[in-house]
Amino acid sequence: AFTSHIIINRIAENEGIHYPTPEQ
């Protein structure tokens, strides 16, 4: 899980990989 929401969003947009936040 990644704590940076910005990084999560950028990875999803650029790589199509979806890391969850710790809460998710």
PDB file of all heavy atoms in Angstrom:
ATOM      1  N   ALA A   1       0.849  -1.198   0.000  1.00  0.00           N
ATOM      2  CA  ALA A   1       0.000   0.000   0.000  1.00  0.00           C
ATOM      3  C   ALA A   1       0.880   1.242   0.000  1.00  0.00           C
ATOM      4  O   ALA A   1       1.917   1.273   0.673  1.00  0.00           O
ATOM      5  CB  ALA A   1      -0.920   0.002   1.216  1.00  0.00           C
ATOM      6  N   PHE A   2       0.482   2.253  -0.756  1.00  0.00           N
ATOM      7  CA  PHE A   2       1.211   3.517  -0.805  1.00  0.00           C
ATOM      8  C   PHE A   2       0.442   4.593  -0.052  1.00  0.00           C
ATOM      9  O   PHE A   2      -0.785   4.670  -0.138  1.00  0.00           O
ATOM     10  CB  PHE A   2       1.435   3.970  -2.250  1.00  0.00           C
ATOM     11  CG  PHE A   2       2.442   3.154  -3.007  1.00  0.00           C
ATOM     12  CD1 PHE A   2       2.590   3.308  -4.385  1.00  0.00           C
ATOM     13  CD2 PHE A   2       3.260   2.231  -2.365  1.00  0.00           C
ATOM     14  CE1 PHE A   2       3.518   2.559  -5.089  1.00  0.00           C
ATOM     15  CE2 PHE A   2       4.194   1.478  -3.054  1.00  0.00           C
ATOM     16  CZ  PHE A   2       4.325   1.644  -4.429  1.00  0.00           C
ATOM     17  N   THR A   3       1.173   5.426   0.665  1.00  0.00           N
ATOM     18  CA  THR A   3       0.533   6.492   1.432  1.00  0.00           C
ATOM     19  C   THR A   3       0.368   7.775   0.633  1.00  0.00           C
ATOM     20  O   THR A   3      -0.410   8.645   1.021  1.00  0.00           O
ATOM     21  CB  THR A   3       1.338   6.792   2.713  1.00  0.00           C
ATOM     22  OG1 THR A   3       2.666   7.195   2.353  1.00  0.00           O
ATOM     23  CG2 THR A   3       1.406   5.565   3.615  1.00  0.00           C
ATOM     24  N   SER A   4       1.098   7.928  -0.476  1.00  0.00           N
ATOM     25  CA  SER A   4       0.971   9.132  -1.298  1.00  0.00           C
ATOM     26  C   SER A   4      -0.138   8.969  -2.325  1.00  0.00           C
ATOM     27  O   SER A   4      -0.014   8.175  -3.266  1.00  0.00           O
ATOM     28  CB  SER A   4       2.287   9.439  -2.015  1.00  0.00           C
ATOM     29  OG  SER A   4       2.104  10.491  -2.953  1.00  0.00           O
ATOM     30  N   HIS A   5      -1.210   9.728  -2.169  1.00  0.00           N
ATOM     31  CA  HIS A   5      -2.329   9.656  -3.109  1.00  0.00           C
ATOM     32  C   HIS A   5      -1.912  10.170  -4.483  1.00  0.00           C
ATOM     33  O   HIS A   5      -2.385   9.661  -5.510  1.00  0.00           O
ATOM     34  CB  HIS A   5      -3.505  10.461  -2.564  1.00  0.00           C
ATOM     35  CG  HIS A   5      -4.096   9.895  -1.313  1.00  0.00           C
ATOM     36  ND1 HIS A   5      -5.441   9.968  -1.004  1.00  0.00           N
ATOM     37  CD2 HIS A   5      -3.519   9.219  -0.276  1.00  0.00           C
ATOM     38  CE1 HIS A   5      -5.669   9.378   0.158  1.00  0.00           C
ATOM     39  NE2 HIS A   5      -4.508   8.932   0.620  1.00  0.00           N
ATOM     40  N   ILE A   6      -1.037  11.165  -4.511  1.00  0.00           N
ATOM     41  CA  ILE A   6      -0.577  11.714  -5.788  1.00  0.00           C
ATOM     42  C   ILE A   6       0.174  10.644  -6.580  1.00  0.00           C
ATOM     43  O   ILE A   6      -0.044  10.461  -7.781  1.00  0.00           O
ATOM     44  CB  ILE A   6       0.324  12.946  -5.554  1.00  0.00           C
ATOM     45  CG1 ILE A   6      -0.503  14.095  -4.954  1.00  0.00           C
ATOM     46  CG2 ILE A   6       0.988  13.391  -6.859  1.00  0.00           C
ATOM     47  CD1 ILE A   6       0.324  15.301  -4.565  1.00  0.00           C
ATOM     48  N   ILE A   7       1.063   9.937  -5.912  1.00  0.00           N
ATOM     49  CA  ILE A   7       1.828   8.885  -6.579  1.00  0.00           C
ATOM     50  C   ILE A   7       0.912   7.769  -7.044  1.00  0.00           C
ATOM     51  O   ILE A   7       1.050   7.256  -8.172  1.00  0.00           O
ATOM     52  CB  ILE A   7       2.932   8.355  -5.637  1.00  0.00           C
ATOM     53  CG1 ILE A   7       4.060   9.386  -5.546  1.00  0.00           C
ATOM     54  CG2 ILE A   7       3.467   7.012  -6.118  1.00  0.00           C
ATOM     55  CD1 ILE A   7       5.157   9.029  -4.569  1.00  0.00           C
ATOM     56  N   ILE A   8      -0.048   7.385  -6.224  1.00  0.00           N
ATOM     57  CA  ILE A   8      -1.013   6.353  -6.610  1.00  0.00           C
ATOM     58  C   ILE A   8      -1.741   6.748  -7.887  1.00  0.00           C
ATOM     59  O   ILE A   8      -1.873   5.940  -8.825  1.00  0.00           O
ATOM     60  CB  ILE A   8      -2.023   6.110  -5.476  1.00  0.00           C
ATOM     61  CG1 ILE A   8      -1.343   5.408  -4.296  1.00  0.00           C
ATOM     62  CG2 ILE A   8      -3.207   5.265  -5.971  1.00  0.00           C
ATOM     63  CD1 ILE A   8      -2.212   5.305  -3.063  1.00  0.00           C
ATOM     64  N   ASN A   9      -2.185   7.990  -7.949  1.00  0.00           N
ATOM     65  CA  ASN A   9      -2.936   8.460  -9.122  1.00  0.00           C
ATOM     66  C   ASN A   9      -2.058   8.502 -10.369  1.00  0.00           C
ATOM     67  O   ASN A   9      -2.496   8.128 -11.470  1.00  0.00           O
ATOM     68  CB  ASN A   9      -3.522   9.840  -8.846  1.00  0.00           C
ATOM     69  CG  ASN A   9      -4.628   9.809  -7.802  1.00  0.00           C
ATOM     70  OD1 ASN A   9      -5.244   8.763  -7.576  1.00  0.00           O
ATOM     71  ND2 ASN A   9      -4.878  10.936  -7.159  1.00  0.00           N
ATOM     72  N   ARG A  10      -0.815   8.956 -10.218  1.00  0.00           N
ATOM     73  CA  ARG A  10       0.074   9.055 -11.376  1.00  0.00           C
ATOM     74  C   ARG A  10       0.455   7.681 -11.918  1.00  0.00           C
ATOM     75  O   ARG A  10       0.540   7.481 -13.139  1.00  0.00           O
ATOM     76  CB  ARG A  10       1.325   9.846 -11.004  1.00  0.00           C
ATOM     77  CG  ARG A  10       1.055  11.341 -10.811  1.00  0.00           C
ATOM     78  CD  ARG A  10       2.307  12.098 -10.443  1.00  0.00           C
ATOM     79  NE  ARG A  10       2.032  13.523 -10.246  1.00  0.00           N
ATOM     80  CZ  ARG A  10       2.917  14.397  -9.787  1.00  0.00           C
ATOM     81  NH1 ARG A  10       4.141  13.982  -9.464  1.00  0.00           N
ATOM     82  NH2 ARG A  10       2.579  15.676  -9.629  1.00  0.00           N
ATOM     83  N   ILE A  11       0.675   6.727 -11.025  1.00  0.00           N
ATOM     84  CA  ILE A  11       0.988   5.372 -11.471  1.00  0.00           C
ATOM     85  C   ILE A  11      -0.210   4.772 -12.208  1.00  0.00           C
ATOM     86  O   ILE A  11      -0.060   4.117 -13.249  1.00  0.00           O
ATOM     87  CB  ILE A  11       1.393   4.483 -10.280  1.00  0.00           C
ATOM     88  CG1 ILE A  11       2.744   4.951  -9.704  1.00  0.00           C
ATOM     89  CG2 ILE A  11       1.500   3.019 -10.713  1.00  0.00           C
ATOM     90  CD1 ILE A  11       3.151   4.219  -8.443  1.00  0.00           C
ATOM     91  N   ALA A  12      -1.393   5.006 -11.689  1.00  0.00           N
ATOM     92  CA  ALA A  12      -2.612   4.494 -12.330  1.00  0.00           C
ATOM     93  C   ALA A  12      -2.780   5.096 -13.722  1.00  0.00           C
ATOM     94  O   ALA A  12      -3.120   4.391 -14.685  1.00  0.00           O
ATOM     95  CB  ALA A  12      -3.827   4.796 -11.460  1.00  0.00           C
ATOM     96  N   GLU A  13      -2.525   6.391 -13.840  1.00  0.00           N
ATOM     97  CA  GLU A  13      -2.688   7.074 -15.126  1.00  0.00           C
ATOM     98  C   GLU A  13      -1.630   6.655 -16.147  1.00  0.00           C
ATOM     99  O   GLU A  13      -1.933   6.455 -17.325  1.00  0.00           O
ATOM    100  CB  GLU A  13      -2.616   8.593 -14.912  1.00  0.00           C
ATOM    101  CG  GLU A  13      -3.802   9.167 -14.139  1.00  0.00           C
ATOM    102  CD  GLU A  13      -3.580  10.628 -13.774  1.00  0.00           C
ATOM    103  OE1 GLU A  13      -2.517  11.189 -14.157  1.00  0.00           O
ATOM    104  OE2 GLU A  13      -4.452  11.215 -13.094  1.00  0.00           O
ATOM    105  N   ASN A  14      -0.381   6.529 -15.680  1.00  0.00           N
ATOM    106  CA  ASN A  14       0.722   6.273 -16.603  1.00  0.00           C
ATOM    107  C   ASN A  14       1.017   4.796 -16.840  1.00  0.00           C
ATOM    108  O   ASN A  14       1.540   4.428 -17.896  1.00  0.00           O
ATOM    109  CB  ASN A  14       1.991   6.958 -16.085  1.00  0.00           C
ATOM    110  CG  ASN A  14       1.846   8.467 -15.995  1.00  0.00           C
ATOM    111  OD1 ASN A  14       1.135   9.082 -16.776  1.00  0.00           O
ATOM    112  ND2 ASN A  14       2.537   9.066 -15.028  1.00  0.00           N
ATOM    113  N   GLU A  15       0.693   3.948 -15.861  1.00  0.00           N
ATOM    114  CA  GLU A  15       1.053   2.541 -15.970  1.00  0.00           C
ATOM    115  C   GLU A  15      -0.143   1.597 -15.929  1.00  0.00           C
ATOM    116  O   GLU A  15      -0.008   0.412 -16.242  1.00  0.00           O
ATOM    117  CB  GLU A  15       2.030   2.153 -14.851  1.00  0.00           C
ATOM    118  CG  GLU A  15       3.308   2.966 -14.806  1.00  0.00           C
ATOM    119  CD  GLU A  15       4.195   2.577 -13.639  1.00  0.00           C
ATOM    120  OE1 GLU A  15       4.221   1.370 -13.287  1.00  0.00           O
ATOM    121  OE2 GLU A  15       4.852   3.460 -13.060  1.00  0.00           O
ATOM    122  N   GLY A  16      -1.287   2.120 -15.509  1.00  0.00           N
ATOM    123  CA  GLY A  16      -2.458   1.258 -15.386  1.00  0.00           C
ATOM    124  C   GLY A  16      -2.391   0.321 -14.197  1.00  0.00           C
ATOM    125  O   GLY A  16      -3.143  -0.656 -14.109  1.00  0.00           O
ATOM    126  N   ILE A  17      -1.487   0.602 -13.266  1.00  0.00           N
ATOM    127  CA  ILE A  17      -1.348  -0.206 -12.050  1.00  0.00           C
ATOM    128  C   ILE A  17      -2.019   0.538 -10.909  1.00  0.00           C
ATOM    129  O   ILE A  17      -1.799   1.739 -10.727  1.00  0.00           O
ATOM    130  CB  ILE A  17       0.132  -0.456 -11.719  1.00  0.00           C
ATOM    131  CG1 ILE A  17       0.814  -1.214 -12.864  1.00  0.00           C
ATOM    132  CG2 ILE A  17       0.282  -1.227 -10.408  1.00  0.00           C
ATOM    133  CD1 ILE A  17       2.314  -1.364 -12.701  1.00  0.00           C
ATOM    134  N   HIS A  18      -2.806  -0.166 -10.124  1.00  0.00           N
ATOM    135  CA  HIS A  18      -3.577   0.480  -9.068  1.00  0.00           C
ATOM    136  C   HIS A  18      -3.117  -0.016  -7.691  1.00  0.00           C
ATOM    137  O   HIS A  18      -3.446  -1.120  -7.274  1.00  0.00           O
ATOM    138  CB  HIS A  18      -5.072   0.204  -9.246  1.00  0.00           C
ATOM    139  CG  HIS A  18      -5.619   0.734 -10.537  1.00  0.00           C
ATOM    140  ND1 HIS A  18      -6.080   2.025 -10.676  1.00  0.00           N
ATOM    141  CD2 HIS A  18      -5.730   0.148 -11.762  1.00  0.00           C
ATOM    142  CE1 HIS A  18      -6.481   2.213 -11.921  1.00  0.00           C
ATOM    143  NE2 HIS A  18      -6.271   1.100 -12.607  1.00  0.00           N
ATOM    144  N   TYR A  19      -2.313   0.822  -7.034  1.00  0.00           N
ATOM    145  CA  TYR A  19      -1.898   0.522  -5.664  1.00  0.00           C
ATOM    146  C   TYR A  19      -2.951   1.081  -4.705  1.00  0.00           C
ATOM    147  O   TYR A  19      -3.421   2.208  -4.896  1.00  0.00           O
ATOM    148  CB  TYR A  19      -0.545   1.169  -5.347  1.00  0.00           C
ATOM    149  CG  TYR A  19       0.642   0.478  -5.980  1.00  0.00           C
ATOM    150  CD1 TYR A  19       1.118   0.878  -7.232  1.00  0.00           C
ATOM    151  CD2 TYR A  19       1.280  -0.570  -5.333  1.00  0.00           C
ATOM    152  CE1 TYR A  19       2.215   0.249  -7.813  1.00  0.00           C
ATOM    153  CE2 TYR A  19       2.380  -1.202  -5.908  1.00  0.00           C
ATOM    154  CZ  TYR A  19       2.835  -0.787  -7.154  1.00  0.00           C
ATOM    155  OH  TYR A  19       3.909  -1.422  -7.722  1.00  0.00           O
ATOM    156  N   PRO A  20      -3.299   0.336  -3.664  1.00  0.00           N
ATOM    157  CA  PRO A  20      -4.253   0.870  -2.697  1.00  0.00           C
ATOM    158  C   PRO A  20      -3.571   1.765  -1.673  1.00  0.00           C
ATOM    159  O   PRO A  20      -2.352   1.675  -1.467  1.00  0.00           O
ATOM    160  CB  PRO A  20      -4.783  -0.396  -2.019  1.00  0.00           C
ATOM    161  CG  PRO A  20      -3.606  -1.336  -2.039  1.00  0.00           C
ATOM    162  CD  PRO A  20      -2.901  -1.058  -3.352  1.00  0.00           C
ATOM    163  N   THR A  21      -4.345   2.637  -1.049  1.00  0.00           N
ATOM    164  CA  THR A  21      -3.875   3.315   0.154  1.00  0.00           C
ATOM    165  C   THR A  21      -3.940   2.295   1.283  1.00  0.00           C
ATOM    166  O   THR A  21      -4.591   1.244   1.144  1.00  0.00           O
ATOM    167  CB  THR A  21      -4.774   4.506   0.497  1.00  0.00           C
ATOM    168  OG1 THR A  21      -6.093   4.011   0.792  1.00  0.00           O
ATOM    169  CG2 THR A  21      -4.831   5.513  -0.651  1.00  0.00           C
ATOM    170  N   PRO A  22      -3.298   2.549   2.413  1.00  0.00           N
ATOM    171  CA  PRO A  22      -3.427   1.609   3.539  1.00  0.00           C
ATOM    172  C   PRO A  22      -4.882   1.419   3.960  1.00  0.00           C
ATOM    173  O   PRO A  22      -5.287   0.304   4.303  1.00  0.00           O
ATOM    174  CB  PRO A  22      -2.601   2.277   4.645  1.00  0.00           C
ATOM    175  CG  PRO A  22      -1.582   3.078   3.908  1.00  0.00           C
ATOM    176  CD  PRO A  22      -2.304   3.596   2.703  1.00  0.00           C
ATOM    177  N   GLU A  23      -5.656   2.500   3.914  1.00  0.00           N
ATOM    178  CA  GLU A  23      -7.070   2.400   4.282  1.00  0.00           C
ATOM    179  C   GLU A  23      -7.806   1.462   3.329  1.00  0.00           C
ATOM    180  O   GLU A  23      -8.583   0.593   3.764  1.00  0.00           O
ATOM    181  CB  GLU A  23      -7.728   3.788   4.247  1.00  0.00           C
ATOM    182  CG  GLU A  23      -7.198   4.759   5.295  1.00  0.00           C
ATOM    183  CD  GLU A  23      -6.065   5.632   4.798  1.00  0.00           C
ATOM    184  OE1 GLU A  23      -5.326   5.204   3.874  1.00  0.00           O
ATOM    185  OE2 GLU A  23      -5.899   6.747   5.322  1.00  0.00           O
ATOM    186  N   GLN A  24      -7.560   1.614   2.035  1.00  0.00           N
ATOM    187  CA  GLN A  24      -8.214   0.748   1.053  1.00  0.00           C
ATOM    188  C   GLN A  24      -7.756  -0.694   1.204  1.00  0.00           C
ATOM    189  O   GLN A  24      -8.569  -1.623   1.083  1.00  0.00           O
ATOM    190  CB  GLN A  24      -7.906   1.262  -0.358  1.00  0.00           C
ATOM    191  CG  GLN A  24      -8.555   2.585  -0.697  1.00  0.00           C
ATOM    192  CD  GLN A  24      -8.024   3.193  -1.980  1.00  0.00           C
ATOM    193  OE1 GLN A  24      -6.918   2.853  -2.439  1.00  0.00           O
ATOM    194  NE2 GLN A  24      -8.775   4.110  -2.577  1.00  0.00           N
TER     195      GLN A  24
END
